[in-house]
């Protein structure tokens, strides 16, 4: 939990607004360039930004890695992030409660590699579900 104050400090450095067309007002989000340093399983990555953080991918639920389908999802995730370069996007709650950006010591966010949301790609390929 000692990383929490550091992560909250990072939020102050990277807050930006997404721009949309006729959509509702954009949700503030944190966008940081980073590097994927480890695939934990199909829906959890270790990403190095200023420090290493564990990211729980939003809208992506992959089977546990101890199952055959979970092994396939983790292997595909390794392929998707093999370059390592990524962009970590963490939606910030409108009420400012930053603790909602974390679960079980992991940052809740999306990881983009090569311009694609790797969690959504796993869902598209049928290796993960978009809901629990």
C-alpha atoms as a PDB file:
ATOM      1  CA  UNK A   1       0.000   0.000   0.000  1.00  0.00           C
ATOM      2  CA  UNK A   2       3.048   2.277   0.184  1.00  0.00           C
ATOM      3  CA  UNK A   3       2.773   2.770  -3.585  1.00  0.00           C
ATOM      4  CA  UNK A   4      -0.639   4.440  -3.231  1.00  0.00           C
ATOM      5  CA  UNK A   5       0.725   7.931  -2.337  1.00  0.00           C
ATOM      6  CA  UNK A   6       3.181   7.709  -5.233  1.00  0.00           C
ATOM      7  CA  UNK A   7       0.417   6.710  -7.643  1.00  0.00           C
ATOM      8  CA  UNK A   8      -1.816   9.507  -6.422  1.00  0.00           C
ATOM      9  CA  UNK A   9       1.103  11.876  -7.076  1.00  0.00           C
ATOM     10  CA  UNK A  10       1.286  10.531 -10.625  1.00  0.00           C
ATOM     11  CA  UNK A  11      -2.349  11.450 -11.128  1.00  0.00           C
ATOM     12  CA  UNK A  12      -1.401  15.080 -10.581  1.00  0.00           C
ATOM     13  CA  UNK A  13       1.182  14.844 -13.365  1.00  0.00           C
ATOM     14  CA  UNK A  14      -0.857  13.177 -16.091  1.00  0.00           C
ATOM     15  CA  UNK A  15      -4.492  14.260 -15.886  1.00  0.00           C
ATOM     16  CA  UNK A  16      -5.958  15.073 -19.286  1.00  0.00           C
ATOM     17  CA  UNK A  17      -9.400  15.157 -20.840  1.00  0.00           C
ATOM     18  CA  UNK A  18     -10.613  12.894 -23.605  1.00  0.00           C
ATOM     19  CA  UNK A  19     -12.273  14.817 -26.404  1.00  0.00           C
ATOM     20  CA  UNK A  20     -15.509  13.537 -27.918  1.00  0.00           C
ATOM     21  CA  UNK A  21     -18.058  14.644 -30.526  1.00  0.00           C
ATOM     22  CA  UNK A  22     -21.639  14.975 -29.342  1.00  0.00           C
ATOM     23  CA  UNK A  23     -21.056  12.625 -26.416  1.00  0.00           C
ATOM     24  CA  UNK A  24     -21.650  13.550 -22.781  1.00  0.00           C
ATOM     25  CA  UNK A  25     -18.890  15.566 -21.095  1.00  0.00           C
ATOM     26  CA  UNK A  26     -15.645  13.588 -21.161  1.00  0.00           C
ATOM     27  CA  UNK A  27     -14.541  11.695 -18.091  1.00  0.00           C
ATOM     28  CA  UNK A  28     -11.218  12.921 -16.733  1.00  0.00           C
ATOM     29  CA  UNK A  29      -8.501  10.347 -17.101  1.00  0.00           C
ATOM     30  CA  UNK A  30      -4.857   9.808 -16.387  1.00  0.00           C
ATOM     31  CA  UNK A  31      -2.760   8.990 -19.476  1.00  0.00           C
ATOM     32  CA  UNK A  32       0.844   7.889 -18.997  1.00  0.00           C
ATOM     33  CA  UNK A  33       3.358   6.454 -21.444  1.00  0.00           C
ATOM     34  CA  UNK A  34       4.823   3.244 -20.125  1.00  0.00           C
ATOM     35  CA  UNK A  35       6.261  -0.151 -20.809  1.00  0.00           C
ATOM     36  CA  UNK A  36       4.695  -3.554 -20.161  1.00  0.00           C
ATOM     37  CA  UNK A  37       7.253  -5.487 -18.117  1.00  0.00           C
ATOM     38  CA  UNK A  38       5.223  -8.609 -17.254  1.00  0.00           C
ATOM     39  CA  UNK A  39       2.020 -10.390 -18.192  1.00  0.00           C
ATOM     40  CA  UNK A  40       0.553 -11.735 -14.942  1.00  0.00           C
ATOM     41  CA  UNK A  41      -2.427 -13.358 -16.687  1.00  0.00           C
ATOM     42  CA  UNK A  42      -4.972 -12.528 -19.365  1.00  0.00           C
ATOM     43  CA  UNK A  43      -6.417  -9.499 -17.573  1.00  0.00           C
ATOM     44  CA  UNK A  44      -3.538  -8.247 -15.381  1.00  0.00           C
ATOM     45  CA  UNK A  45      -0.266  -6.636 -16.482  1.00  0.00           C
ATOM     46  CA  UNK A  46       2.714  -5.069 -14.747  1.00  0.00           C
ATOM     47  CA  UNK A  47       3.371  -1.700 -16.400  1.00  0.00           C
ATOM     48  CA  UNK A  48       6.333   0.543 -15.709  1.00  0.00           C
ATOM     49  CA  UNK A  49       5.472   4.236 -15.826  1.00  0.00           C
ATOM     50  CA  UNK A  50       7.587   6.192 -13.342  1.00  0.00           C
ATOM     51  CA  UNK A  51       7.450   3.089 -11.174  1.00  0.00           C
ATOM     52  CA  UNK A  52       6.135  -0.412 -11.722  1.00  0.00           C
ATOM     53  CA  UNK A  53       2.381  -0.772 -11.163  1.00  0.00           C
ATOM     54  CA  UNK A  54       0.078  -3.739 -11.516  1.00  0.00           C
ATOM     55  CA  UNK A  55      -2.852  -2.935 -13.804  1.00  0.00           C
ATOM     56  CA  UNK A  56      -6.218  -4.700 -13.704  1.00  0.00           C
ATOM     57  CA  UNK A  57      -7.665  -4.204 -17.169  1.00  0.00           C
ATOM     58  CA  UNK A  58     -11.110  -2.636 -17.300  1.00  0.00           C
ATOM     59  CA  UNK A  59     -13.922  -4.536 -19.053  1.00  0.00           C
ATOM     60  CA  UNK A  60     -11.759  -7.620 -19.500  1.00  0.00           C
ATOM     61  CA  UNK A  61     -12.209 -10.800 -17.486  1.00  0.00           C
ATOM     62  CA  UNK A  62      -9.974 -13.645 -18.601  1.00  0.00           C
ATOM     63  CA  UNK A  63     -10.077 -17.148 -17.111  1.00  0.00           C
ATOM     64  CA  UNK A  64      -7.575 -17.888 -14.364  1.00  0.00           C
ATOM     65  CA  UNK A  65      -4.128 -18.753 -15.681  1.00  0.00           C
ATOM     66  CA  UNK A  66      -4.234 -22.212 -14.098  1.00  0.00           C
ATOM     67  CA  UNK A  67      -6.910 -23.248 -16.658  1.00  0.00           C
ATOM     68  CA  UNK A  68      -6.182 -24.134 -20.288  1.00  0.00           C
ATOM     69  CA  UNK A  69      -8.238 -21.171 -21.564  1.00  0.00           C
ATOM     70  CA  UNK A  70      -6.451 -18.910 -19.066  1.00  0.00           C
ATOM     71  CA  UNK A  71      -3.070 -20.058 -20.375  1.00  0.00           C
ATOM     72  CA  UNK A  72      -4.192 -19.251 -23.931  1.00  0.00           C
ATOM     73  CA  UNK A  73      -5.369 -15.793 -22.867  1.00  0.00           C
ATOM     74  CA  UNK A  74      -2.089 -15.051 -21.069  1.00  0.00           C
ATOM     75  CA  UNK A  75      -0.070 -16.265 -24.069  1.00  0.00           C
ATOM     76  CA  UNK A  76      -2.083 -14.087 -26.450  1.00  0.00           C
ATOM     77  CA  UNK A  77      -1.623 -11.126 -24.100  1.00  0.00           C
ATOM     78  CA  UNK A  78       2.150 -11.692 -24.220  1.00  0.00           C
ATOM     79  CA  UNK A  79       1.937 -11.515 -28.024  1.00  0.00           C
ATOM     80  CA  UNK A  80      -0.135  -8.322 -27.928  1.00  0.00           C
ATOM     81  CA  UNK A  81       2.308  -6.523 -25.602  1.00  0.00           C
ATOM     82  CA  UNK A  82       5.578  -8.000 -26.910  1.00  0.00           C
ATOM     83  CA  UNK A  83       6.881  -4.594 -28.040  1.00  0.00           C
ATOM     84  CA  UNK A  84       6.554  -3.407 -24.442  1.00  0.00           C
ATOM     85  CA  UNK A  85       5.740   0.213 -25.293  1.00  0.00           C
ATOM     86  CA  UNK A  86       2.276   1.127 -24.137  1.00  0.00           C
ATOM     87  CA  UNK A  87      -0.036   3.852 -22.940  1.00  0.00           C
ATOM     88  CA  UNK A  88      -1.778   3.395 -19.604  1.00  0.00           C
ATOM     89  CA  UNK A  89      -5.164   5.126 -19.348  1.00  0.00           C
ATOM     90  CA  UNK A  90      -6.810   5.330 -15.931  1.00  0.00           C
ATOM     91  CA  UNK A  91     -10.322   6.843 -15.851  1.00  0.00           C
ATOM     92  CA  UNK A  92     -10.678   9.156 -12.873  1.00  0.00           C
ATOM     93  CA  UNK A  93     -13.932   9.147 -10.878  1.00  0.00           C
ATOM     94  CA  UNK A  94     -16.033  12.293 -11.268  1.00  0.00           C
ATOM     95  CA  UNK A  95     -16.361  12.549  -7.493  1.00  0.00           C
ATOM     96  CA  UNK A  96     -12.571  12.721  -7.072  1.00  0.00           C
ATOM     97  CA  UNK A  97     -12.371   9.554  -4.958  1.00  0.00           C
ATOM     98  CA  UNK A  98      -9.018   8.268  -6.252  1.00  0.00           C
ATOM     99  CA  UNK A  99      -9.254   5.089  -4.193  1.00  0.00           C
ATOM    100  CA  UNK A 100     -11.878   3.924  -6.720  1.00  0.00           C
ATOM    101  CA  UNK A 101      -9.035   3.696  -9.258  1.00  0.00           C
ATOM    102  CA  UNK A 102      -7.592   0.732  -7.353  1.00  0.00           C
ATOM    103  CA  UNK A 103      -8.655  -2.800  -6.510  1.00  0.00           C
ATOM    104  CA  UNK A 104      -6.661  -5.330  -4.511  1.00  0.00           C
ATOM    105  CA  UNK A 105      -3.482  -3.269  -4.923  1.00  0.00           C
ATOM    106  CA  UNK A 106      -3.937  -2.920  -8.686  1.00  0.00           C
ATOM    107  CA  UNK A 107      -4.634   0.185 -10.767  1.00  0.00           C
ATOM    108  CA  UNK A 108      -7.863  -0.087 -12.781  1.00  0.00           C
ATOM    109  CA  UNK A 109      -7.241   0.999 -16.340  1.00  0.00           C
ATOM    110  CA  UNK A 110      -6.772   0.274 -20.014  1.00  0.00           C
ATOM    111  CA  UNK A 111      -3.467  -0.514 -21.690  1.00  0.00           C
ATOM    112  CA  UNK A 112      -2.903   0.394 -25.324  1.00  0.00           C
ATOM    113  CA  UNK A 113      -0.066  -1.197 -27.307  1.00  0.00           C
ATOM    114  CA  UNK A 114       0.366  -0.431 -30.984  1.00  0.00           C
ATOM    115  CA  UNK A 115      -2.725   1.782 -30.818  1.00  0.00           C
ATOM    116  CA  UNK A 116      -5.078  -0.977 -29.653  1.00  0.00           C
ATOM    117  CA  UNK A 117      -6.727  -1.628 -26.307  1.00  0.00           C
ATOM    118  CA  UNK A 118      -5.210  -5.028 -25.463  1.00  0.00           C
ATOM    119  CA  UNK A 119      -8.032  -5.995 -23.100  1.00  0.00           C
ATOM    120  CA  UNK A 120     -10.696  -5.291 -25.708  1.00  0.00           C
ATOM    121  CA  UNK A 121      -8.665  -7.248 -28.240  1.00  0.00           C
ATOM    122  CA  UNK A 122      -8.723 -10.332 -25.988  1.00  0.00           C
ATOM    123  CA  UNK A 123     -12.504  -9.929 -25.690  1.00  0.00           C
ATOM    124  CA  UNK A 124     -12.878  -9.608 -29.485  1.00  0.00           C
ATOM    125  CA  UNK A 125     -10.872 -12.808 -29.936  1.00  0.00           C
ATOM    126  CA  UNK A 126     -13.059 -14.677 -27.440  1.00  0.00           C
ATOM    127  CA  UNK A 127     -10.248 -15.235 -24.932  1.00  0.00           C
ATOM    128  CA  UNK A 128     -11.868 -12.981 -22.300  1.00  0.00           C
ATOM    129  CA  UNK A 129     -15.294 -11.612 -21.454  1.00  0.00           C
ATOM    130  CA  UNK A 130     -16.283  -7.933 -21.265  1.00  0.00           C
ATOM    131  CA  UNK A 131     -18.244  -8.589 -18.074  1.00  0.00           C
ATOM    132  CA  UNK A 132     -17.833 -10.728 -14.989  1.00  0.00           C
END
